[in-house]
């Protein structure tokens, strides 16, 4: 009997359409945020992998970005999403928030297994996201953050060659 999950991982899917699907759902679900979206990817660009896992990563990053804002701060709750081609072999997806940001210690600890910055049930551990990126897409994550200024999480993915 074939393993459905293994077959799904080997499929290619359209990146731009997959990102747009998640963002449309996120906007419906979290209408208290302003989403600034810039997707500079051609429609035909594809990536190999499991589309559902890819979309799950985006959802986790969006959830992490939304949880970075104070519950008392209802103004300027902006989440910036940028997707672009970095080189002929890779593309990036960046999600930026203007929330509480991460200190150097939090970024360092965040790479440890199961450490979560936000709500206990958020399932948004940076380490988990990074592991999934590496395992499923041979990608990686870069974090730029300043305490009380916000954070940018940029995921890098190889393109189909």
N, C-alpha and C. Protein backbone atom coordinates (compact mmCIF):
# COMPACT_ATOMS: atom_id res chain seq x y z
N UNK A 1 0.83 -1.18 0.00
CA UNK A 1 0.00 0.00 0.00
C UNK A 1 0.88 1.25 0.00
N UNK A 2 0.58 2.20 -0.88
CA UNK A 2 1.37 3.42 -0.98
C UNK A 2 1.07 4.37 0.16
N UNK A 3 2.11 5.06 0.59
CA UNK A 3 1.97 6.05 1.64
C UNK A 3 1.54 7.37 0.99
N UNK A 4 0.34 7.81 1.26
CA UNK A 4 -0.22 9.02 0.64
C UNK A 4 0.63 10.24 0.98
N UNK A 5 1.10 10.34 2.19
CA UNK A 5 1.92 11.47 2.61
C UNK A 5 3.20 11.58 1.82
N UNK A 6 3.85 10.47 1.55
CA UNK A 6 5.08 10.48 0.77
C UNK A 6 4.82 10.98 -0.65
N UNK A 7 3.73 10.52 -1.26
CA UNK A 7 3.40 10.95 -2.61
C UNK A 7 3.09 12.44 -2.64
N UNK A 8 2.39 12.93 -1.64
CA UNK A 8 2.03 14.35 -1.58
C UNK A 8 3.28 15.22 -1.47
N UNK A 9 4.29 14.77 -0.77
CA UNK A 9 5.52 15.55 -0.63
C UNK A 9 6.24 15.72 -1.95
N UNK A 10 6.11 14.77 -2.85
CA UNK A 10 6.84 14.81 -4.11
C UNK A 10 6.11 15.61 -5.19
N UNK A 11 4.90 16.08 -4.89
CA UNK A 11 4.12 16.85 -5.85
C UNK A 11 4.67 18.29 -5.92
N UNK A 12 4.44 18.92 -7.05
CA UNK A 12 4.75 20.34 -7.18
C UNK A 12 3.45 21.12 -7.14
N UNK A 13 3.52 22.34 -6.63
CA UNK A 13 2.34 23.19 -6.58
C UNK A 13 2.76 24.63 -6.85
N UNK A 14 1.78 25.45 -7.22
CA UNK A 14 2.03 26.84 -7.53
C UNK A 14 2.15 27.65 -6.25
N UNK A 15 3.28 28.32 -6.10
CA UNK A 15 3.59 29.03 -4.86
C UNK A 15 2.65 30.21 -4.63
N UNK A 16 2.52 31.07 -5.63
CA UNK A 16 1.74 32.29 -5.47
C UNK A 16 0.29 31.98 -5.10
N UNK A 17 -0.31 31.05 -5.79
CA UNK A 17 -1.70 30.68 -5.51
C UNK A 17 -1.83 30.11 -4.09
N UNK A 18 -0.88 29.30 -3.67
CA UNK A 18 -0.91 28.70 -2.33
C UNK A 18 -0.81 29.76 -1.25
N UNK A 19 0.07 30.75 -1.44
CA UNK A 19 0.22 31.84 -0.47
C UNK A 19 -1.07 32.66 -0.41
N UNK A 20 -1.62 32.98 -1.57
CA UNK A 20 -2.84 33.79 -1.63
C UNK A 20 -4.01 33.09 -0.93
N UNK A 21 -4.11 31.78 -1.08
CA UNK A 21 -5.18 31.03 -0.41
C UNK A 21 -5.11 31.18 1.11
N UNK A 22 -3.90 31.05 1.67
CA UNK A 22 -3.73 31.19 3.12
C UNK A 22 -4.03 32.61 3.57
N UNK A 23 -3.55 33.59 2.82
CA UNK A 23 -3.76 34.98 3.21
C UNK A 23 -5.24 35.36 3.15
N UNK A 24 -5.96 34.85 2.18
CA UNK A 24 -7.41 35.11 2.12
C UNK A 24 -8.12 34.55 3.34
N UNK A 25 -7.74 33.36 3.75
CA UNK A 25 -8.34 32.77 4.97
C UNK A 25 -7.95 33.57 6.22
N UNK A 26 -6.69 33.97 6.28
CA UNK A 26 -6.22 34.72 7.45
C UNK A 26 -6.95 36.05 7.58
N UNK A 27 -7.18 36.73 6.44
CA UNK A 27 -7.88 38.01 6.47
C UNK A 27 -9.32 37.84 6.94
N UNK A 28 -9.96 36.75 6.58
CA UNK A 28 -11.32 36.48 7.04
C UNK A 28 -11.35 36.19 8.53
N UNK A 29 -10.33 35.46 9.00
CA UNK A 29 -10.28 35.01 10.39
C UNK A 29 -9.82 36.11 11.35
N UNK A 30 -8.88 36.92 10.94
CA UNK A 30 -8.27 37.92 11.82
C UNK A 30 -8.46 39.31 11.22
N UNK A 31 -9.69 39.80 11.22
CA UNK A 31 -9.95 41.09 10.59
C UNK A 31 -9.52 42.29 11.43
N UNK A 32 -8.96 42.07 12.62
CA UNK A 32 -8.47 43.19 13.42
C UNK A 32 -7.06 43.61 13.03
N UNK A 33 -6.49 42.96 12.02
CA UNK A 33 -5.15 43.29 11.54
C UNK A 33 -5.23 43.89 10.15
N UNK A 34 -4.27 44.73 9.85
CA UNK A 34 -4.11 45.24 8.49
C UNK A 34 -3.00 44.42 7.86
N UNK A 35 -3.32 43.77 6.75
CA UNK A 35 -2.33 42.97 6.04
C UNK A 35 -1.83 43.76 4.84
N UNK A 36 -0.54 43.99 4.79
CA UNK A 36 0.10 44.63 3.65
C UNK A 36 0.84 43.52 2.90
N UNK A 37 0.40 43.25 1.70
CA UNK A 37 0.87 42.07 0.97
C UNK A 37 1.53 42.48 -0.34
N UNK A 38 2.72 41.94 -0.56
CA UNK A 38 3.44 42.16 -1.81
C UNK A 38 4.02 40.82 -2.26
N UNK A 39 3.37 40.22 -3.23
CA UNK A 39 3.83 38.92 -3.74
C UNK A 39 4.40 39.13 -5.14
N UNK A 40 5.72 39.17 -5.21
CA UNK A 40 6.41 39.36 -6.49
C UNK A 40 6.88 38.02 -7.03
N UNK A 41 5.93 37.17 -7.34
CA UNK A 41 6.23 35.85 -7.89
C UNK A 41 5.38 35.64 -9.14
N UNK A 42 5.99 35.14 -10.20
CA UNK A 42 5.20 34.80 -11.38
C UNK A 42 4.21 33.68 -11.05
N UNK A 43 3.06 33.70 -11.69
CA UNK A 43 2.01 32.69 -11.45
C UNK A 43 2.52 31.26 -11.64
N UNK A 44 3.42 31.06 -12.59
CA UNK A 44 3.83 29.69 -12.97
C UNK A 44 4.94 29.10 -12.11
N UNK A 45 5.50 29.87 -11.18
CA UNK A 45 6.59 29.36 -10.33
C UNK A 45 6.03 28.29 -9.38
N UNK A 46 6.75 27.16 -9.31
CA UNK A 46 6.32 26.04 -8.47
C UNK A 46 7.41 25.64 -7.49
N UNK A 47 6.99 24.90 -6.49
CA UNK A 47 7.89 24.32 -5.50
C UNK A 47 7.47 22.87 -5.30
N UNK A 48 8.46 22.02 -5.04
CA UNK A 48 8.16 20.62 -4.76
C UNK A 48 7.90 20.47 -3.27
N UNK A 49 6.85 19.72 -2.94
CA UNK A 49 6.55 19.48 -1.54
C UNK A 49 5.07 19.29 -1.32
N UNK A 50 4.71 19.28 -0.06
CA UNK A 50 3.31 19.10 0.33
C UNK A 50 2.70 20.48 0.52
N UNK A 51 1.72 20.80 -0.31
CA UNK A 51 1.08 22.12 -0.29
C UNK A 51 0.45 22.41 1.08
N UNK A 52 -0.15 21.42 1.70
CA UNK A 52 -0.81 21.63 3.00
C UNK A 52 0.22 21.97 4.08
N UNK A 53 1.37 21.32 4.05
CA UNK A 53 2.43 21.63 5.02
C UNK A 53 2.96 23.04 4.76
N UNK A 54 3.15 23.40 3.50
CA UNK A 54 3.60 24.75 3.12
C UNK A 54 2.63 25.80 3.66
N UNK A 55 1.35 25.59 3.42
CA UNK A 55 0.35 26.53 3.88
C UNK A 55 0.27 26.56 5.41
N UNK A 56 0.48 25.42 6.05
CA UNK A 56 0.52 25.37 7.51
C UNK A 56 1.65 26.20 8.08
N UNK A 57 2.81 26.19 7.42
CA UNK A 57 3.94 27.01 7.86
C UNK A 57 3.57 28.49 7.80
N UNK A 58 2.95 28.90 6.70
CA UNK A 58 2.56 30.30 6.56
C UNK A 58 1.55 30.67 7.64
N UNK A 59 0.59 29.81 7.87
CA UNK A 59 -0.42 30.07 8.89
C UNK A 59 0.24 30.22 10.27
N UNK A 60 1.20 29.36 10.60
CA UNK A 60 1.89 29.45 11.90
C UNK A 60 2.66 30.76 12.02
N UNK A 61 3.31 31.17 10.94
CA UNK A 61 4.05 32.44 10.98
C UNK A 61 3.10 33.63 11.12
N UNK A 62 1.95 33.56 10.45
CA UNK A 62 0.95 34.63 10.60
C UNK A 62 0.39 34.67 12.02
N UNK A 63 0.16 33.50 12.57
CA UNK A 63 -0.36 33.42 13.94
C UNK A 63 0.67 33.98 14.93
N UNK A 64 1.92 33.63 14.72
CA UNK A 64 3.00 34.15 15.56
C UNK A 64 3.05 35.67 15.46
N UNK A 65 2.93 36.20 14.23
CA UNK A 65 2.97 37.65 14.03
C UNK A 65 1.80 38.33 14.72
N UNK A 66 0.62 37.74 14.64
CA UNK A 66 -0.55 38.36 15.28
C UNK A 66 -0.44 38.32 16.81
N UNK A 67 0.15 37.26 17.35
CA UNK A 67 0.28 37.13 18.80
C UNK A 67 1.39 38.02 19.36
N UNK A 68 2.21 38.60 18.48
CA UNK A 68 3.28 39.49 18.94
C UNK A 68 2.73 40.83 19.42
N UNK A 69 1.53 41.16 18.99
CA UNK A 69 0.94 42.43 19.39
C UNK A 69 0.28 42.31 20.76
N UNK A 70 0.36 43.40 21.51
CA UNK A 70 -0.28 43.47 22.82
C UNK A 70 -1.79 43.39 22.65
N UNK A 71 -2.45 42.71 23.56
CA UNK A 71 -3.91 42.61 23.51
C UNK A 71 -4.56 43.98 23.71
N UNK A 72 -3.84 44.92 24.33
CA UNK A 72 -4.37 46.25 24.59
C UNK A 72 -4.13 47.23 23.45
N UNK A 73 -3.25 46.87 22.51
CA UNK A 73 -2.90 47.76 21.41
C UNK A 73 -3.77 47.44 20.20
N UNK A 74 -4.75 48.28 19.95
CA UNK A 74 -5.67 48.03 18.84
C UNK A 74 -5.37 48.88 17.62
N UNK A 75 -4.38 49.75 17.71
CA UNK A 75 -4.01 50.58 16.58
C UNK A 75 -2.71 50.07 15.98
N UNK A 76 -2.56 50.32 14.70
CA UNK A 76 -1.33 49.99 13.98
C UNK A 76 -0.97 48.51 14.07
N UNK A 77 -1.96 47.65 13.99
CA UNK A 77 -1.71 46.21 14.03
C UNK A 77 -1.53 45.75 12.59
N UNK A 78 -0.32 45.94 12.11
CA UNK A 78 0.00 45.66 10.70
C UNK A 78 0.88 44.42 10.61
N UNK A 79 0.56 43.58 9.66
CA UNK A 79 1.41 42.43 9.34
C UNK A 79 1.78 42.56 7.87
N UNK A 80 3.07 42.60 7.62
CA UNK A 80 3.60 42.77 6.27
C UNK A 80 4.04 41.41 5.74
N UNK A 81 3.58 41.06 4.55
CA UNK A 81 3.94 39.78 3.91
C UNK A 81 4.59 40.09 2.57
N UNK A 82 5.81 39.60 2.36
CA UNK A 82 6.52 39.81 1.11
C UNK A 82 7.04 38.46 0.62
N UNK A 83 6.74 38.15 -0.63
CA UNK A 83 7.28 36.95 -1.28
C UNK A 83 7.98 37.40 -2.56
N UNK A 84 9.20 36.91 -2.75
CA UNK A 84 9.96 37.32 -3.93
C UNK A 84 10.99 36.28 -4.31
N UNK A 85 11.44 36.37 -5.55
CA UNK A 85 12.52 35.52 -6.04
C UNK A 85 13.83 36.10 -5.53
N UNK A 86 14.63 35.29 -4.88
CA UNK A 86 15.94 35.73 -4.37
C UNK A 86 17.05 35.47 -5.39
N UNK A 87 16.91 34.36 -6.11
CA UNK A 87 17.88 33.96 -7.12
C UNK A 87 17.17 32.96 -8.03
N UNK A 88 17.80 32.54 -9.11
CA UNK A 88 17.14 31.54 -9.96
C UNK A 88 16.84 30.22 -9.24
N UNK A 89 17.49 30.01 -8.09
CA UNK A 89 17.33 28.74 -7.38
C UNK A 89 16.48 28.82 -6.11
N UNK A 90 16.11 30.04 -5.67
CA UNK A 90 15.34 30.11 -4.42
C UNK A 90 14.43 31.34 -4.38
N UNK A 91 13.40 31.23 -3.52
CA UNK A 91 12.53 32.36 -3.25
C UNK A 91 12.39 32.52 -1.75
N UNK A 92 11.93 33.70 -1.35
CA UNK A 92 11.75 33.97 0.09
C UNK A 92 10.33 34.42 0.37
N UNK A 93 9.92 34.14 1.59
CA UNK A 93 8.64 34.59 2.11
C UNK A 93 8.93 35.22 3.46
N UNK A 94 8.65 36.53 3.59
CA UNK A 94 8.91 37.25 4.84
C UNK A 94 7.59 37.70 5.45
N UNK A 95 7.50 37.54 6.77
CA UNK A 95 6.34 38.01 7.52
C UNK A 95 6.88 38.88 8.65
N UNK A 96 6.43 40.14 8.64
CA UNK A 96 6.92 41.14 9.58
C UNK A 96 5.77 41.67 10.43
N UNK A 97 6.05 41.85 11.72
CA UNK A 97 5.07 42.46 12.61
C UNK A 97 5.74 43.60 13.37
N UNK A 98 4.93 44.47 13.91
CA UNK A 98 5.44 45.59 14.72
C UNK A 98 5.17 45.37 16.19
N UNK A 99 5.13 44.13 16.60
CA UNK A 99 4.80 43.77 17.98
C UNK A 99 5.98 43.87 18.92
N UNK A 100 5.98 42.98 19.90
CA UNK A 100 6.94 43.08 21.00
C UNK A 100 8.36 42.68 20.62
N UNK A 101 8.56 42.00 19.51
CA UNK A 101 9.90 41.62 19.08
C UNK A 101 10.52 40.57 19.98
N UNK A 102 11.72 40.18 19.64
CA UNK A 102 12.44 39.16 20.40
C UNK A 102 13.79 39.72 20.82
N UNK A 103 14.20 39.42 22.03
CA UNK A 103 15.53 39.78 22.47
C UNK A 103 16.53 38.76 21.91
N UNK A 104 17.80 39.07 22.03
CA UNK A 104 18.84 38.15 21.58
C UNK A 104 18.68 36.79 22.26
N UNK A 105 18.42 36.81 23.57
CA UNK A 105 18.25 35.56 24.32
C UNK A 105 17.06 34.76 23.81
N UNK A 106 15.94 35.44 23.55
CA UNK A 106 14.75 34.73 23.05
C UNK A 106 15.01 34.11 21.68
N UNK A 107 15.72 34.83 20.81
CA UNK A 107 16.04 34.27 19.49
C UNK A 107 16.93 33.03 19.64
N UNK A 108 17.89 33.11 20.55
CA UNK A 108 18.80 31.98 20.77
C UNK A 108 18.05 30.79 21.36
N UNK A 109 17.26 31.04 22.40
CA UNK A 109 16.49 29.97 23.03
C UNK A 109 15.44 29.42 22.08
N UNK A 110 14.91 30.28 21.23
CA UNK A 110 13.86 29.88 20.29
C UNK A 110 14.28 28.79 19.35
N UNK A 111 15.56 28.64 19.14
CA UNK A 111 16.04 27.57 18.26
C UNK A 111 16.11 26.22 18.98
N UNK A 112 15.86 26.25 20.29
CA UNK A 112 15.84 25.01 21.07
C UNK A 112 14.49 24.32 20.90
N UNK A 113 14.48 23.04 21.04
CA UNK A 113 13.28 22.24 20.80
C UNK A 113 12.12 22.64 21.71
N UNK A 114 10.97 22.84 21.10
CA UNK A 114 9.68 23.06 21.75
C UNK A 114 9.54 24.38 22.50
N UNK A 115 10.47 25.32 22.33
CA UNK A 115 10.31 26.61 22.98
C UNK A 115 9.31 27.44 22.19
N UNK A 116 8.33 28.01 22.87
CA UNK A 116 7.27 28.77 22.23
C UNK A 116 7.23 30.16 22.85
N UNK A 117 7.18 31.21 22.01
CA UNK A 117 7.19 32.58 22.49
C UNK A 117 5.82 33.09 22.88
N UNK A 118 4.80 32.55 22.30
CA UNK A 118 3.48 33.13 22.45
C UNK A 118 2.63 32.26 23.37
N UNK A 119 1.35 32.25 23.14
CA UNK A 119 0.43 31.50 23.97
C UNK A 119 0.82 30.02 24.03
N UNK A 120 0.52 29.40 25.14
CA UNK A 120 0.88 27.99 25.34
C UNK A 120 0.36 27.08 24.23
N UNK A 121 -0.85 27.35 23.75
CA UNK A 121 -1.44 26.47 22.74
C UNK A 121 -1.23 26.95 21.31
N UNK A 122 -0.31 27.89 21.10
CA UNK A 122 -0.19 28.50 19.78
C UNK A 122 0.48 27.60 18.75
N UNK A 123 1.32 26.66 19.18
CA UNK A 123 1.99 25.75 18.26
C UNK A 123 2.84 26.51 17.24
N UNK A 124 3.47 27.60 17.67
CA UNK A 124 4.24 28.45 16.77
C UNK A 124 5.72 28.47 17.11
N UNK A 125 6.28 27.39 17.55
CA UNK A 125 7.68 27.40 17.92
C UNK A 125 8.56 27.61 16.69
N UNK A 126 9.52 28.51 16.83
CA UNK A 126 10.44 28.78 15.73
C UNK A 126 11.21 27.52 15.37
N UNK A 127 11.60 26.77 16.37
CA UNK A 127 12.35 25.54 16.14
C UNK A 127 11.52 24.56 15.31
N UNK A 128 10.25 24.44 15.62
CA UNK A 128 9.37 23.53 14.88
C UNK A 128 9.22 23.99 13.43
N UNK A 129 9.04 25.29 13.24
CA UNK A 129 8.93 25.83 11.88
C UNK A 129 10.22 25.58 11.11
N UNK A 130 11.35 25.83 11.74
CA UNK A 130 12.64 25.62 11.08
C UNK A 130 12.86 24.15 10.74
N UNK A 131 12.52 23.25 11.65
CA UNK A 131 12.64 21.81 11.38
C UNK A 131 11.81 21.39 10.18
N UNK A 132 10.57 21.88 10.13
CA UNK A 132 9.68 21.53 9.03
C UNK A 132 10.20 22.10 7.72
N UNK A 133 10.70 23.32 7.75
CA UNK A 133 11.29 23.92 6.55
C UNK A 133 12.43 23.06 6.00
N UNK A 134 13.32 22.65 6.89
CA UNK A 134 14.47 21.84 6.48
C UNK A 134 14.04 20.47 5.96
N UNK A 135 13.18 19.82 6.72
CA UNK A 135 12.79 18.45 6.39
C UNK A 135 11.93 18.37 5.12
N UNK A 136 10.92 19.22 5.05
CA UNK A 136 9.95 19.11 3.96
C UNK A 136 10.36 19.85 2.69
N UNK A 137 11.13 20.95 2.85
CA UNK A 137 11.42 21.79 1.68
C UNK A 137 12.90 22.10 1.48
N UNK A 138 13.75 21.58 2.34
CA UNK A 138 15.19 21.88 2.28
C UNK A 138 15.42 23.40 2.34
N UNK A 139 14.62 24.06 3.16
CA UNK A 139 14.71 25.51 3.33
C UNK A 139 15.26 25.88 4.69
N UNK A 140 15.26 27.17 4.98
CA UNK A 140 15.71 27.64 6.30
C UNK A 140 15.00 28.95 6.64
N UNK A 141 15.18 29.40 7.88
CA UNK A 141 14.54 30.62 8.36
C UNK A 141 15.58 31.57 8.93
N UNK A 142 15.35 32.85 8.72
CA UNK A 142 16.22 33.90 9.27
C UNK A 142 15.32 34.84 10.06
N UNK A 143 15.78 35.26 11.24
CA UNK A 143 15.00 36.13 12.10
C UNK A 143 15.75 37.44 12.32
N UNK A 144 15.05 38.54 12.07
CA UNK A 144 15.57 39.86 12.39
C UNK A 144 14.56 40.47 13.36
N UNK A 145 15.04 40.88 14.53
CA UNK A 145 14.11 41.36 15.54
C UNK A 145 14.77 42.36 16.48
N UNK A 146 13.95 43.29 16.95
CA UNK A 146 14.37 44.22 17.99
C UNK A 146 13.30 44.22 19.06
N UNK A 147 13.72 44.11 20.29
CA UNK A 147 12.80 44.10 21.42
C UNK A 147 11.91 45.34 21.38
N UNK A 148 10.62 45.12 21.49
CA UNK A 148 9.57 46.16 21.48
C UNK A 148 9.48 46.93 20.17
N UNK A 149 10.08 46.42 19.10
CA UNK A 149 10.01 47.07 17.79
C UNK A 149 9.41 46.15 16.73
N UNK A 150 9.38 44.85 16.97
CA UNK A 150 8.83 43.92 15.99
C UNK A 150 9.86 42.92 15.51
N UNK A 151 9.41 42.07 14.61
CA UNK A 151 10.27 41.00 14.12
C UNK A 151 9.92 40.67 12.67
N UNK A 152 10.92 40.20 11.94
CA UNK A 152 10.72 39.69 10.59
C UNK A 152 11.24 38.26 10.55
N UNK A 153 10.37 37.38 10.09
CA UNK A 153 10.73 35.98 9.91
C UNK A 153 10.76 35.74 8.40
N UNK A 154 11.94 35.41 7.88
CA UNK A 154 12.08 35.17 6.45
C UNK A 154 12.42 33.71 6.22
N UNK A 155 11.57 33.04 5.45
CA UNK A 155 11.79 31.65 5.09
C UNK A 155 12.32 31.59 3.67
N UNK A 156 13.34 30.77 3.46
CA UNK A 156 13.94 30.60 2.14
C UNK A 156 13.64 29.18 1.65
N UNK A 157 13.17 29.09 0.42
CA UNK A 157 12.78 27.80 -0.19
C UNK A 157 13.51 27.63 -1.51
N UNK A 158 13.98 26.41 -1.81
CA UNK A 158 14.54 26.16 -3.13
C UNK A 158 13.41 26.06 -4.17
N UNK A 159 13.67 26.52 -5.37
CA UNK A 159 12.69 26.44 -6.45
C UNK A 159 12.91 25.15 -7.25
N UNK A 160 11.87 24.69 -7.91
CA UNK A 160 12.00 23.55 -8.81
C UNK A 160 12.94 23.92 -9.94
N UNK A 161 13.84 23.04 -10.24
CA UNK A 161 14.81 23.29 -11.34
C UNK A 161 14.49 22.42 -12.53
